[in-house]
Amino acid sequence: MGVVDAISSIITTYYPWYEDIIEKANINIPTREYVYRAVRVTLALSITTLSLSLVYLLSFIPSPYSELFSRFIIFAPLSILIFLISMGGFIAYPFIRKVSLASKLEANLISLVAFMYSLSASGADLDEVFTRIVESFGPDEAFPFSQYLHYRNVLGWDVTKALKRVADRCPNEELANIFSMLSYSVVVSEDFTPVIETLYNRLLEIRRLNFEKKVNSLTFLSEIFISSMVVLPVMVITILIIISMVGSSIFGLDPALLTSLVVFLLIPMSAVFIIVTSVGE
């Protein structure tokens, strides 16, 4: 499997940042092994496609053997396309999974920090807090805490080392910063409740500001929508009706035709544009 080893070596050597993506995607195999499996599977699919193409040509398409090679060449691009699509899927999967995990952590961040704060305020130590989080939340939301417990209970790492490692592997930046701050705070004091309280209040303030920003944006978009979807069309249609009543035209076009264009084309397209624009808000 020299080709597989060569491709795996190229990716892991010249793209070291890909290892960080795989770790943050919670894919618990070495980067070289992941790339090795991806290349091996894609090559197997390509070879299988070529083999099936050859069997199909020999069994179902009667033709002279002199034309067999030219027909077989037609299927070669299909095999290459399958290789590229499969390899692209394997390469893109860690990126997609990393974004998905980061989104789930972001959606549950306030709940996670609030849960940490309530448990720490009741006197639980860090290991007990993280154990309860793993028991109370889903695997995708609690996997950084599961990693911490693995480092502590299985590998025997100290708290600081385990927290720093989890911070490096966490796909969500805000949660990674929380782990980093905890790793520094436990060195100074075992009581990490004030740190969690500060972080919790800061997250609440950030969410409040983001909510106010979204409300202001939606208010502005609603005013634009009313102006462009109600006031402006009424004014344009009124002007076109008046022009049609006096028997005039606009740039040689019938006002009735322009009215139909405004009602059935301009207004729906403007509505779609405003809705698409406001989706990100």
C-alpha atoms as a PDB file:
ATOM      1  CA  MET A   1       0.000   0.000   0.000  1.00  0.00           C
ATOM      2  CA  GLY A   2       2.788   2.395  -0.924  1.00  0.00           C
ATOM      3  CA  VAL A   3       0.418   4.827  -2.669  1.00  0.00           C
ATOM      4  CA  VAL A   4      -1.796   5.048   0.409  1.00  0.00           C
ATOM      5  CA  ASP A   5       1.185   5.685   2.674  1.00  0.00           C
ATOM      6  CA  ALA A   6       2.533   8.335   0.298  1.00  0.00           C
ATOM      7  CA  ILE A   7      -0.747  10.273   0.133  1.00  0.00           C
ATOM      8  CA  SER A   8      -1.207  10.027   3.915  1.00  0.00           C
ATOM      9  CA  SER A   9       2.320  11.275   4.482  1.00  0.00           C
ATOM     10  CA  ILE A  10       1.827  14.257   2.153  1.00  0.00           C
ATOM     11  CA  ILE A  11      -1.370  15.395   3.892  1.00  0.00           C
ATOM     12  CA  THR A  12      -0.031  14.999   7.437  1.00  0.00           C
ATOM     13  CA  THR A  13       3.324  16.585   6.591  1.00  0.00           C
ATOM     14  CA  TYR A  14       2.276  19.614   4.546  1.00  0.00           C
ATOM     15  CA  TYR A  15      -1.083  20.274   6.255  1.00  0.00           C
ATOM     16  CA  PRO A  16      -0.394  19.982  10.019  1.00  0.00           C
ATOM     17  CA  TRP A  17      -3.390  22.220  10.810  1.00  0.00           C
ATOM     18  CA  TYR A  18      -5.631  19.362   9.667  1.00  0.00           C
ATOM     19  CA  GLU A  19      -4.682  17.459  12.828  1.00  0.00           C
ATOM     20  CA  ASP A  20      -6.134  20.288  14.911  1.00  0.00           C
ATOM     21  CA  ILE A  21      -9.399  20.110  12.924  1.00  0.00           C
ATOM     22  CA  ILE A  22      -9.670  16.357  13.482  1.00  0.00           C
ATOM     23  CA  GLU A  23      -9.084  16.734  17.219  1.00  0.00           C
ATOM     24  CA  LYS A  24     -11.694  19.489  17.541  1.00  0.00           C
ATOM     25  CA  ALA A  25     -14.144  17.342  15.564  1.00  0.00           C
ATOM     26  CA  ASN A  26     -13.837  14.723  18.346  1.00  0.00           C
ATOM     27  CA  ILE A  27     -12.524  12.066  15.968  1.00  0.00           C
ATOM     28  CA  ASN A  28     -10.574   9.874  18.362  1.00  0.00           C
ATOM     29  CA  ILE A  29      -8.052   8.356  15.980  1.00  0.00           C
ATOM     30  CA  PRO A  30      -4.642   9.705  14.931  1.00  0.00           C
ATOM     31  CA  THR A  31      -4.638  12.014  11.930  1.00  0.00           C
ATOM     32  CA  ARG A  32      -2.369   9.764   9.905  1.00  0.00           C
ATOM     33  CA  GLU A  33      -4.648   6.779  10.578  1.00  0.00           C
ATOM     34  CA  TYR A  34      -7.745   8.773   9.565  1.00  0.00           C
ATOM     35  CA  VAL A  35      -6.127   9.897   6.304  1.00  0.00           C
ATOM     36  CA  TYR A  36      -4.848   6.378   5.697  1.00  0.00           C
ATOM     37  CA  ARG A  37      -8.349   4.937   6.033  1.00  0.00           C
ATOM     38  CA  ALA A  38      -9.831   7.658   3.834  1.00  0.00           C
ATOM     39  CA  VAL A  39      -7.333   7.046   1.023  1.00  0.00           C
ATOM     40  CA  ARG A  40      -7.704   3.279   1.315  1.00  0.00           C
ATOM     41  CA  VAL A  41     -11.510   3.438   1.100  1.00  0.00           C
ATOM     42  CA  THR A  42     -11.530   5.873  -1.836  1.00  0.00           C
ATOM     43  CA  LEU A  43      -9.010   3.798  -3.775  1.00  0.00           C
ATOM     44  CA  ALA A  44     -11.066   0.666  -3.104  1.00  0.00           C
ATOM     45  CA  LEU A  45     -14.204   2.395  -4.419  1.00  0.00           C
ATOM     46  CA  SER A  46     -12.383   3.546  -7.551  1.00  0.00           C
ATOM     47  CA  ILE A  47     -10.911   0.121  -8.268  1.00  0.00           C
ATOM     48  CA  THR A  48     -14.295  -1.506  -7.663  1.00  0.00           C
ATOM     49  CA  THR A  49     -15.924   0.915 -10.106  1.00  0.00           C
ATOM     50  CA  LEU A  50     -13.373   0.085 -12.806  1.00  0.00           C
ATOM     51  CA  SER A  51     -13.781  -3.645 -12.183  1.00  0.00           C
ATOM     52  CA  LEU A  52     -17.566  -3.492 -12.396  1.00  0.00           C
ATOM     53  CA  SER A  53     -17.278  -1.438 -15.572  1.00  0.00           C
ATOM     54  CA  LEU A  54     -15.061  -4.103 -17.114  1.00  0.00           C
ATOM     55  CA  VAL A  55     -17.462  -6.874 -16.084  1.00  0.00           C
ATOM     56  CA  TYR A  56     -20.367  -4.921 -17.547  1.00  0.00           C
ATOM     57  CA  LEU A  57     -18.552  -4.437 -20.837  1.00  0.00           C
ATOM     58  CA  LEU A  58     -17.587  -8.090 -21.126  1.00  0.00           C
ATOM     59  CA  SER A  59     -20.976  -9.487 -20.102  1.00  0.00           C
ATOM     60  CA  PHE A  60     -23.653  -7.180 -21.454  1.00  0.00           C
ATOM     61  CA  ILE A  61     -22.164  -5.285 -24.401  1.00  0.00           C
ATOM     62  CA  PRO A  62     -21.119  -7.611 -27.205  1.00  0.00           C
ATOM     63  CA  SER A  63     -18.361  -5.925 -29.149  1.00  0.00           C
ATOM     64  CA  PRO A  64     -15.053  -6.871 -30.752  1.00  0.00           C
ATOM     65  CA  TYR A  65     -12.127  -6.996 -28.356  1.00  0.00           C
ATOM     66  CA  SER A  66     -10.474  -4.316 -30.449  1.00  0.00           C
ATOM     67  CA  GLU A  67     -13.155  -1.862 -29.278  1.00  0.00           C
ATOM     68  CA  LEU A  68     -13.127  -3.054 -25.682  1.00  0.00           C
ATOM     69  CA  PHE A  69     -10.278  -0.799 -24.610  1.00  0.00           C
ATOM     70  CA  SER A  70     -11.824   2.324 -26.156  1.00  0.00           C
ATOM     71  CA  ARG A  71     -15.129   1.572 -24.415  1.00  0.00           C
ATOM     72  CA  PHE A  72     -13.351   0.876 -21.131  1.00  0.00           C
ATOM     73  CA  ILE A  73     -11.590   4.268 -21.281  1.00  0.00           C
ATOM     74  CA  ILE A  74     -15.024   5.933 -21.213  1.00  0.00           C
ATOM     75  CA  PHE A  75     -15.581   4.596 -17.684  1.00  0.00           C
ATOM     76  CA  ALA A  76     -12.188   5.768 -16.396  1.00  0.00           C
ATOM     77  CA  PRO A  77     -13.343   9.359 -15.702  1.00  0.00           C
ATOM     78  CA  LEU A  78     -16.217   7.916 -13.638  1.00  0.00           C
ATOM     79  CA  SER A  79     -13.731   6.103 -11.433  1.00  0.00           C
ATOM     80  CA  ILE A  80     -11.649   9.260 -11.030  1.00  0.00           C
ATOM     81  CA  LEU A  81     -14.774  11.270 -10.204  1.00  0.00           C
ATOM     82  CA  ILE A  82     -15.780   8.743  -7.538  1.00  0.00           C
ATOM     83  CA  PHE A  83     -12.282   8.933  -6.056  1.00  0.00           C
ATOM     84  CA  LEU A  84     -12.366  12.741  -5.916  1.00  0.00           C
ATOM     85  CA  ILE A  85     -15.885  12.887  -4.449  1.00  0.00           C
ATOM     86  CA  SER A  86     -15.129  10.238  -1.825  1.00  0.00           C
ATOM     87  CA  MET A  87     -11.820  11.804  -0.856  1.00  0.00           C
ATOM     88  CA  GLY A  88     -13.424  15.230  -0.714  1.00  0.00           C
ATOM     89  CA  GLY A  89     -16.129  13.858   1.566  1.00  0.00           C
ATOM     90  CA  PHE A  90     -13.583  12.316   3.935  1.00  0.00           C
ATOM     91  CA  ILE A  91     -11.535  15.520   4.020  1.00  0.00           C
ATOM     92  CA  ALA A  92     -14.583  17.753   4.551  1.00  0.00           C
ATOM     93  CA  TYR A  93     -16.177  15.572   7.244  1.00  0.00           C
ATOM     94  CA  PRO A  94     -13.983  16.841  10.136  1.00  0.00           C
ATOM     95  CA  PHE A  95     -14.742  20.457   9.161  1.00  0.00           C
ATOM     96  CA  ILE A  96     -18.493  19.776   9.061  1.00  0.00           C
ATOM     97  CA  ARG A  97     -18.445  17.865  12.339  1.00  0.00           C
ATOM     98  CA  LYS A  98     -16.352  20.575  14.036  1.00  0.00           C
ATOM     99  CA  VAL A  99     -18.842  23.272  13.000  1.00  0.00           C
ATOM    100  CA  SER A 100     -21.772  21.085  14.101  1.00  0.00           C
ATOM    101  CA  LEU A 101     -20.262  20.415  17.532  1.00  0.00           C
ATOM    102  CA  ALA A 102     -19.349  24.080  17.988  1.00  0.00           C
ATOM    103  CA  SER A 103     -22.938  25.079  17.171  1.00  0.00           C
ATOM    104  CA  LYS A 104     -24.377  22.598  19.686  1.00  0.00           C
ATOM    105  CA  LEU A 105     -21.988  23.793  22.381  1.00  0.00           C
ATOM    106  CA  GLU A 106     -22.850  27.412  21.581  1.00  0.00           C
ATOM    107  CA  ALA A 107     -26.576  26.697  21.869  1.00  0.00           C
ATOM    108  CA  ASN A 108     -26.113  25.060  25.291  1.00  0.00           C
ATOM    109  CA  LEU A 109     -23.299  27.260  26.594  1.00  0.00           C
ATOM    110  CA  ILE A 110     -25.412  29.291  29.003  1.00  0.00           C
ATOM    111  CA  SER A 111     -27.022  26.124  30.379  1.00  0.00           C
ATOM    112  CA  LEU A 112     -23.638  24.432  30.798  1.00  0.00           C
ATOM    113  CA  VAL A 113     -22.068  27.375  32.626  1.00  0.00           C
ATOM    114  CA  ALA A 114     -25.170  27.889  34.788  1.00  0.00           C
ATOM    115  CA  PHE A 115     -25.096  24.191  35.720  1.00  0.00           C
ATOM    116  CA  MET A 116     -21.397  24.468  36.559  1.00  0.00           C
ATOM    117  CA  TYR A 117     -22.056  27.550  38.686  1.00  0.00           C
ATOM    118  CA  SER A 118     -24.911  25.976  40.659  1.00  0.00           C
ATOM    119  CA  LEU A 119     -22.920  22.822  41.414  1.00  0.00           C
ATOM    120  CA  SER A 120     -19.734  24.676  42.327  1.00  0.00           C
ATOM    121  CA  ALA A 121     -21.711  27.013  44.620  1.00  0.00           C
ATOM    122  CA  SER A 122     -23.072  23.945  46.426  1.00  0.00           C
ATOM    123  CA  GLY A 123     -19.532  22.821  47.249  1.00  0.00           C
ATOM    124  CA  ALA A 124     -18.819  20.247  44.533  1.00  0.00           C
ATOM    125  CA  ASP A 125     -15.259  19.997  43.258  1.00  0.00           C
ATOM    126  CA  LEU A 126     -14.353  20.260  39.591  1.00  0.00           C
ATOM    127  CA  ASP A 127     -14.369  16.517  38.910  1.00  0.00           C
ATOM    128  CA  GLU A 128     -17.816  16.137  40.480  1.00  0.00           C
ATOM    129  CA  VAL A 129     -19.153  19.084  38.473  1.00  0.00           C
ATOM    130  CA  PHE A 130     -17.899  17.674  35.182  1.00  0.00           C
ATOM    131  CA  THR A 131     -19.220  14.201  36.063  1.00  0.00           C
ATOM    132  CA  ARG A 132     -22.701  15.580  36.676  1.00  0.00           C
ATOM    133  CA  ILE A 133     -22.576  17.504  33.382  1.00  0.00           C
ATOM    134  CA  VAL A 134     -21.708  14.314  31.489  1.00  0.00           C
ATOM    135  CA  GLU A 135     -24.633  12.552  33.180  1.00  0.00           C
ATOM    136  CA  SER A 136     -27.104  15.395  32.550  1.00  0.00           C
ATOM    137  CA  PHE A 137     -26.321  16.516  28.994  1.00  0.00           C
ATOM    138  CA  GLY A 138     -26.111  14.731  25.659  1.00  0.00           C
ATOM    139  CA  PRO A 139     -22.857  13.255  24.331  1.00  0.00           C
ATOM    140  CA  ASP A 140     -22.309  16.017  21.768  1.00  0.00           C
ATOM    141  CA  GLU A 141     -22.864  18.785  24.327  1.00  0.00           C
ATOM    142  CA  ALA A 142     -20.806  17.133  27.082  1.00  0.00           C
ATOM    143  CA  PHE A 143     -17.935  15.580  25.126  1.00  0.00           C
ATOM    144  CA  PRO A 144     -15.293  18.149  26.288  1.00  0.00           C
ATOM    145  CA  PHE A 145     -16.171  17.270  29.887  1.00  0.00           C
ATOM    146  CA  SER A 146     -15.975  13.554  29.035  1.00  0.00           C
ATOM    147  CA  GLN A 147     -12.509  14.143  27.628  1.00  0.00           C
ATOM    148  CA  TYR A 148     -11.480  15.863  30.853  1.00  0.00           C
ATOM    149  CA  LEU A 149     -12.693  12.910  32.940  1.00  0.00           C
ATOM    150  CA  HIS A 150     -10.844  10.524  30.609  1.00  0.00           C
ATOM    151  CA  TYR A 151      -7.602  12.438  31.078  1.00  0.00           C
ATOM    152  CA  ARG A 152      -8.108  12.535  34.852  1.00  0.00           C
ATOM    153  CA  ASN A 153      -9.396   9.048  35.601  1.00  0.00           C
ATOM    154  CA  VAL A 154      -7.776   6.955  32.863  1.00  0.00           C
ATOM    155  CA  LEU A 155      -4.530   8.754  32.063  1.00  0.00           C
ATOM    156  CA  GLY A 156      -4.018  10.126  35.557  1.00  0.00           C
ATOM    157  CA  TRP A 157      -3.301  13.723  34.509  1.00  0.00           C
ATOM    158  CA  ASP A 158      -3.486  16.580  36.980  1.00  0.00           C
ATOM    159  CA  VAL A 159      -6.312  19.121  36.781  1.00  0.00           C
ATOM    160  CA  THR A 160      -4.298  21.865  35.067  1.00  0.00           C
ATOM    161  CA  LYS A 161      -2.897  19.623  32.337  1.00  0.00           C
ATOM    162  CA  ALA A 162      -6.294  18.040  31.653  1.00  0.00           C
ATOM    163  CA  LEU A 163      -8.039  21.438  31.420  1.00  0.00           C
ATOM    164  CA  LYS A 164      -5.426  22.848  29.032  1.00  0.00           C
ATOM    165  CA  ARG A 165      -5.689  19.791  26.805  1.00  0.00           C
ATOM    166  CA  VAL A 166      -9.490  20.010  26.750  1.00  0.00           C
ATOM    167  CA  ALA A 167      -9.240  23.727  25.912  1.00  0.00           C
ATOM    168  CA  ASP A 168      -7.000  22.898  22.945  1.00  0.00           C
ATOM    169  CA  ARG A 169      -9.483  20.308  21.644  1.00  0.00           C
ATOM    170  CA  CYS A 170     -12.702  22.243  22.266  1.00  0.00           C
ATOM    171  CA  PRO A 171     -14.339  23.416  18.986  1.00  0.00           C
ATOM    172  CA  ASN A 172     -16.199  26.287  20.683  1.00  0.00           C
ATOM    173  CA  GLU A 173     -13.944  29.261  21.409  1.00  0.00           C
ATOM    174  CA  GLU A 174     -15.952  30.610  24.362  1.00  0.00           C
ATOM    175  CA  LEU A 175     -16.015  27.244  26.120  1.00  0.00           C
ATOM    176  CA  ALA A 176     -12.321  26.772  25.343  1.00  0.00           C
ATOM    177  CA  ASN A 177     -11.617  30.125  27.029  1.00  0.00           C
ATOM    178  CA  ILE A 178     -13.575  28.948  30.073  1.00  0.00           C
ATOM    179  CA  PHE A 179     -11.431  25.814  30.325  1.00  0.00           C
ATOM    180  CA  SER A 180      -8.284  27.925  29.968  1.00  0.00           C
ATOM    181  CA  MET A 181      -9.343  30.324  32.712  1.00  0.00           C
ATOM    182  CA  LEU A 182     -10.202  27.407  34.991  1.00  0.00           C
ATOM    183  CA  SER A 183      -6.770  25.885  34.380  1.00  0.00           C
ATOM    184  CA  TYR A 184      -5.152  29.088  35.644  1.00  0.00           C
ATOM    185  CA  SER A 185      -7.573  29.644  38.529  1.00  0.00           C
ATOM    186  CA  VAL A 186      -7.182  26.167  40.080  1.00  0.00           C
ATOM    187  CA  VAL A 187      -3.454  26.827  40.398  1.00  0.00           C
ATOM    188  CA  VAL A 188      -4.157  29.831  42.644  1.00  0.00           C
ATOM    189  CA  SER A 189      -7.151  28.485  44.561  1.00  0.00           C
ATOM    190  CA  GLU A 190      -9.258  25.343  44.674  1.00  0.00           C
ATOM    191  CA  ASP A 191     -12.401  27.475  44.932  1.00  0.00           C
ATOM    192  CA  PHE A 192     -13.319  28.138  41.304  1.00  0.00           C
ATOM    193  CA  THR A 193     -16.857  29.363  42.046  1.00  0.00           C
ATOM    194  CA  PRO A 194     -15.977  33.101  41.669  1.00  0.00           C
ATOM    195  CA  VAL A 195     -14.457  32.390  38.253  1.00  0.00           C
ATOM    196  CA  ILE A 196     -17.553  30.522  37.083  1.00  0.00           C
ATOM    197  CA  GLU A 197     -19.779  33.290  38.455  1.00  0.00           C
ATOM    198  CA  THR A 198     -17.805  35.957  36.587  1.00  0.00           C
ATOM    199  CA  LEU A 199     -17.896  33.973  33.357  1.00  0.00           C
ATOM    200  CA  TYR A 200     -21.610  33.299  33.746  1.00  0.00           C
ATOM    201  CA  ASN A 201     -22.408  36.991  34.246  1.00  0.00           C
ATOM    202  CA  ARG A 202     -20.221  37.923  31.276  1.00  0.00           C
ATOM    203  CA  LEU A 203     -22.001  35.406  29.029  1.00  0.00           C
ATOM    204  CA  LEU A 204     -25.369  36.730  30.121  1.00  0.00           C
ATOM    205  CA  GLU A 205     -24.289  40.283  29.321  1.00  0.00           C
ATOM    206  CA  ILE A 206     -22.986  39.235  25.900  1.00  0.00           C
ATOM    207  CA  ARG A 207     -26.231  37.415  25.115  1.00  0.00           C
ATOM    208  CA  ARG A 208     -28.251  40.434  26.271  1.00  0.00           C
ATOM    209  CA  LEU A 209     -26.276  42.766  23.981  1.00  0.00           C
ATOM    210  CA  ASN A 210     -26.616  40.357  21.062  1.00  0.00           C
ATOM    211  CA  PHE A 211     -30.353  40.105  21.670  1.00  0.00           C
ATOM    212  CA  GLU A 212     -30.704  43.900  21.692  1.00  0.00           C
ATOM    213  CA  LYS A 213     -28.712  44.083  18.467  1.00  0.00           C
ATOM    214  CA  LYS A 214     -30.981  41.527  16.797  1.00  0.00           C
ATOM    215  CA  VAL A 215     -34.098  43.345  17.984  1.00  0.00           C
ATOM    216  CA  ASN A 216     -32.812  46.633  16.568  1.00  0.00           C
ATOM    217  CA  SER A 217     -31.906  44.956  13.285  1.00  0.00           C
ATOM    218  CA  LEU A 218     -35.318  43.309  13.000  1.00  0.00           C
ATOM    219  CA  THR A 219     -37.019  46.620  13.774  1.00  0.00           C
ATOM    220  CA  PHE A 220     -35.063  48.285  10.994  1.00  0.00           C
ATOM    221  CA  LEU A 221     -35.853  45.442   8.579  1.00  0.00           C
ATOM    222  CA  SER A 222     -39.543  45.587   9.457  1.00  0.00           C
ATOM    223  CA  GLU A 223     -39.606  49.289   8.589  1.00  0.00           C
ATOM    224  CA  ILE A 224     -37.904  48.572   5.283  1.00  0.00           C
ATOM    225  CA  PHE A 225     -40.344  45.758   4.594  1.00  0.00           C
ATOM    226  CA  ILE A 226     -43.384  47.946   5.254  1.00  0.00           C
ATOM    227  CA  SER A 227     -41.978  50.760   3.143  1.00  0.00           C
ATOM    228  CA  SER A 228     -40.980  48.593   0.186  1.00  0.00           C
ATOM    229  CA  MET A 229     -43.837  46.085   0.274  1.00  0.00           C
ATOM    230  CA  VAL A 230     -46.763  48.354   1.115  1.00  0.00           C
ATOM    231  CA  VAL A 231     -46.123  52.065   0.678  1.00  0.00           C
ATOM    232  CA  LEU A 232     -43.913  52.021  -2.411  1.00  0.00           C
ATOM    233  CA  PRO A 233     -46.033  49.569  -4.482  1.00  0.00           C
ATOM    234  CA  VAL A 234     -49.199  51.517  -3.682  1.00  0.00           C
ATOM    235  CA  MET A 235     -47.565  54.751  -4.820  1.00  0.00           C
ATOM    236  CA  VAL A 236     -46.180  53.187  -8.018  1.00  0.00           C
ATOM    237  CA  ILE A 237     -49.473  51.507  -8.916  1.00  0.00           C
ATOM    238  CA  THR A 238     -51.397  54.723  -8.256  1.00  0.00           C
ATOM    239  CA  ILE A 239     -49.071  56.675 -10.547  1.00  0.00           C
ATOM    240  CA  LEU A 240     -49.359  54.018 -13.260  1.00  0.00           C
ATOM    241  CA  ILE A 241     -53.181  54.047 -13.042  1.00  0.00           C
ATOM    242  CA  ILE A 242     -53.249  57.834 -13.389  1.00  0.00           C
ATOM    243  CA  ILE A 243     -50.920  57.647 -16.399  1.00  0.00           C
ATOM    244  CA  SER A 244     -53.101  54.977 -18.025  1.00  0.00           C
ATOM    245  CA  MET A 245     -56.223  57.104 -17.462  1.00  0.00           C
ATOM    246  CA  VAL A 246     -54.714  60.055 -19.356  1.00  0.00           C
ATOM    247  CA  GLY A 247     -53.678  57.739 -22.166  1.00  0.00           C
ATOM    248  CA  SER A 248     -49.906  58.183 -21.819  1.00  0.00           C
ATOM    249  CA  SER A 249     -47.141  55.602 -21.789  1.00  0.00           C
ATOM    250  CA  ILE A 250     -43.775  55.222 -20.044  1.00  0.00           C
ATOM    251  CA  PHE A 251     -40.817  54.646 -22.350  1.00  0.00           C
ATOM    252  CA  GLY A 252     -43.229  53.248 -24.887  1.00  0.00           C
ATOM    253  CA  LEU A 253     -44.594  50.609 -22.468  1.00  0.00           C
ATOM    254  CA  ASP A 254     -48.258  50.177 -21.593  1.00  0.00           C
ATOM    255  CA  PRO A 255     -48.971  51.255 -17.962  1.00  0.00           C
ATOM    256  CA  ALA A 256     -51.175  48.169 -17.531  1.00  0.00           C
ATOM    257  CA  LEU A 257     -48.184  45.979 -18.395  1.00  0.00           C
ATOM    258  CA  LEU A 258     -45.976  47.883 -15.962  1.00  0.00           C
ATOM    259  CA  THR A 259     -48.602  47.485 -13.247  1.00  0.00           C
ATOM    260  CA  SER A 260     -48.643  43.723 -13.801  1.00  0.00           C
ATOM    261  CA  LEU A 261     -44.842  43.635 -13.629  1.00  0.00           C
ATOM    262  CA  VAL A 262     -44.867  45.525 -10.329  1.00  0.00           C
ATOM    263  CA  VAL A 263     -47.554  43.295  -8.793  1.00  0.00           C
ATOM    264  CA  PHE A 264     -46.418  39.890 -10.039  1.00  0.00           C
ATOM    265  CA  LEU A 265     -42.639  40.359 -10.393  1.00  0.00           C
ATOM    266  CA  LEU A 266     -41.170  43.317  -8.493  1.00  0.00           C
ATOM    267  CA  ILE A 267     -43.081  42.880  -5.212  1.00  0.00           C
ATOM    268  CA  PRO A 268     -42.456  39.079  -4.848  1.00  0.00           C
ATOM    269  CA  MET A 269     -38.770  39.460  -5.757  1.00  0.00           C
ATOM    270  CA  SER A 270     -38.365  42.300  -3.262  1.00  0.00           C
ATOM    271  CA  ALA A 271     -40.061  40.225  -0.553  1.00  0.00           C
ATOM    272  CA  VAL A 272     -37.759  37.271  -1.209  1.00  0.00           C
ATOM    273  CA  PHE A 273     -34.703  39.540  -1.123  1.00  0.00           C
ATOM    274  CA  ILE A 274     -35.703  41.062   2.227  1.00  0.00           C
ATOM    275  CA  ILE A 275     -36.461  37.634   3.735  1.00  0.00           C
ATOM    276  CA  VAL A 276     -33.123  36.225   2.578  1.00  0.00           C
ATOM    277  CA  THR A 277     -31.330  39.289   3.908  1.00  0.00           C
ATOM    278  CA  SER A 278     -32.994  38.976   7.310  1.00  0.00           C
ATOM    279  CA  VAL A 279     -32.285  35.248   7.731  1.00  0.00           C
ATOM    280  CA  GLY A 280     -28.863  35.911   9.214  1.00  0.00           C
ATOM    281  CA  GLU A 281     -30.226  38.341  11.791  1.00  0.00           C
END
